[in-house]
Protein backbone atom coordinates (compact mmCIF):
# COMPACT_ATOMS: atom_id res chain seq x y z
CA MET A 1 -96.13 -10.62 81.27
CA PRO A 2 -95.00 -8.32 78.41
CA ARG A 3 -92.27 -9.99 75.96
CA ALA A 4 -89.02 -9.10 74.04
CA ASN A 5 -87.34 -10.17 70.66
CA ILE A 6 -83.73 -10.03 71.34
CA THR A 7 -80.16 -11.48 70.47
CA ILE A 8 -77.84 -12.89 73.36
CA LEU A 9 -74.37 -14.16 73.09
CA ASP A 10 -73.26 -12.75 70.39
CA GLY A 11 -76.17 -13.11 67.71
CA LEU A 12 -78.75 -15.88 68.76
CA PRO A 13 -81.94 -14.49 68.66
CA VAL A 14 -84.16 -15.83 71.11
CA GLU A 15 -88.31 -14.30 72.84
CA ILE A 16 -87.89 -13.60 76.35
CA GLU A 17 -91.13 -13.29 78.53
CA TYR A 18 -90.53 -10.85 81.77
CA GLN A 19 -91.98 -9.33 84.65
CA TRP A 20 -91.13 -5.67 85.22
CA GLU A 21 -91.80 -4.88 88.84
CA ARG A 22 -92.50 -1.25 89.99
CA GLY A 23 -90.57 0.72 92.30
CA ASP A 24 -91.24 1.59 95.46
CA ARG A 25 -89.48 5.08 96.23
CA SER A 26 -90.75 5.03 100.01
CA VAL A 27 -88.66 1.84 100.74
CA GLY A 28 -86.08 2.39 98.53
CA LEU A 29 -86.73 -0.24 95.48
CA SER A 30 -86.26 1.20 92.30
CA GLU A 31 -88.29 -0.09 89.36
CA GLY A 32 -87.33 -2.59 86.59
CA ILE A 33 -86.91 -6.41 85.74
CA ALA A 34 -87.52 -8.89 88.66
CA ASP A 35 -87.51 -11.68 86.39
CA TRP A 36 -87.26 -13.42 83.29
CA GLU A 37 -87.31 -16.50 80.72
CA ILE A 38 -86.29 -17.53 77.79
CA ILE A 39 -89.57 -19.15 75.95
CA ALA A 40 -88.22 -19.15 72.27
CA ILE A 41 -84.86 -19.77 70.61
CA GLY A 42 -83.68 -19.21 67.13
CA ALA A 43 -84.48 -17.46 63.86
CA ARG A 44 -88.09 -19.15 63.83
CA ALA A 45 -88.90 -18.65 67.46
CA ARG A 46 -89.41 -22.20 68.09
CA GLU A 47 -91.29 -22.46 71.54
CA CYS A 48 -89.11 -24.29 74.03
CA LYS A 49 -90.68 -26.96 75.76
CA LYS A 50 -88.79 -27.47 78.17
CA ARG A 51 -86.24 -24.82 80.13
CA PRO A 52 -83.08 -24.83 78.02
CA ASP A 53 -80.60 -25.30 81.18
CA TRP A 54 -77.91 -25.59 78.82
CA LEU A 55 -78.75 -22.08 76.99
CA TYR A 56 -78.62 -20.10 80.79
CA ARG A 57 -75.22 -22.06 81.34
CA ARG A 58 -73.71 -20.37 78.70
CA ILE A 59 -75.28 -17.26 79.82
CA GLU A 60 -74.10 -17.58 83.43
CA ALA A 61 -70.69 -18.65 82.34
CA THR A 62 -70.32 -15.31 79.93
CA LYS A 63 -68.91 -12.25 81.81
CA GLY A 64 -71.64 -9.30 81.56
CA GLU A 65 -74.19 -11.26 79.27
CA GLU A 66 -77.24 -11.58 81.38
CA ASP A 67 -76.70 -7.78 82.48
CA ARG A 68 -76.95 -6.49 78.75
CA ILE A 69 -80.54 -8.88 78.61
CA ILE A 70 -81.33 -6.79 81.43
CA PHE A 71 -80.59 -3.96 79.61
CA ALA A 72 -82.21 -4.82 76.61
CA LEU A 73 -85.70 -5.86 78.22
CA CYS A 74 -85.21 -2.42 80.53
CA ASP A 75 -85.41 -0.90 76.48
CA HIS A 76 -88.06 -2.80 75.46
CA PHE A 77 -90.14 -1.96 78.17
CA SER A 78 -89.45 1.62 77.92
CA SER A 79 -90.09 2.03 74.25
CA ALA A 80 -93.36 -0.39 74.68
CA ARG A 81 -94.58 2.09 77.55
CA TRP A 82 -93.41 5.41 75.34
CA ALA A 83 -95.63 3.83 72.62
CA ARG A 84 -98.31 3.17 74.43
CA LYS A 85 -98.47 6.77 75.58
CA SER A 86 -98.06 8.21 72.02
CA TYR A 87 -100.81 6.43 70.80
CA ARG A 88 -103.09 7.41 73.85
CA HIS A 89 -102.56 10.97 73.00
CA ALA A 90 -102.49 10.98 69.00
């Protein structure tokens, strides 16, 4: 699964592992982020030994934060996919 380093909650650096789901237009499903999980927290990217429930509660309590995370992951995936295509054609 792809990983992205982003900041959440106005500046907390985290590493997130996510799953990209391909869309199926024949049944009306669009592509996008299917699932995501915080795997490391902080500038030194210390790996989480267990699920940081306290952080997920803060994300849920902050209006629009989950949407910002998903948009950041979509941007990461799009730029990584574009870079792979450019590399193949070089």
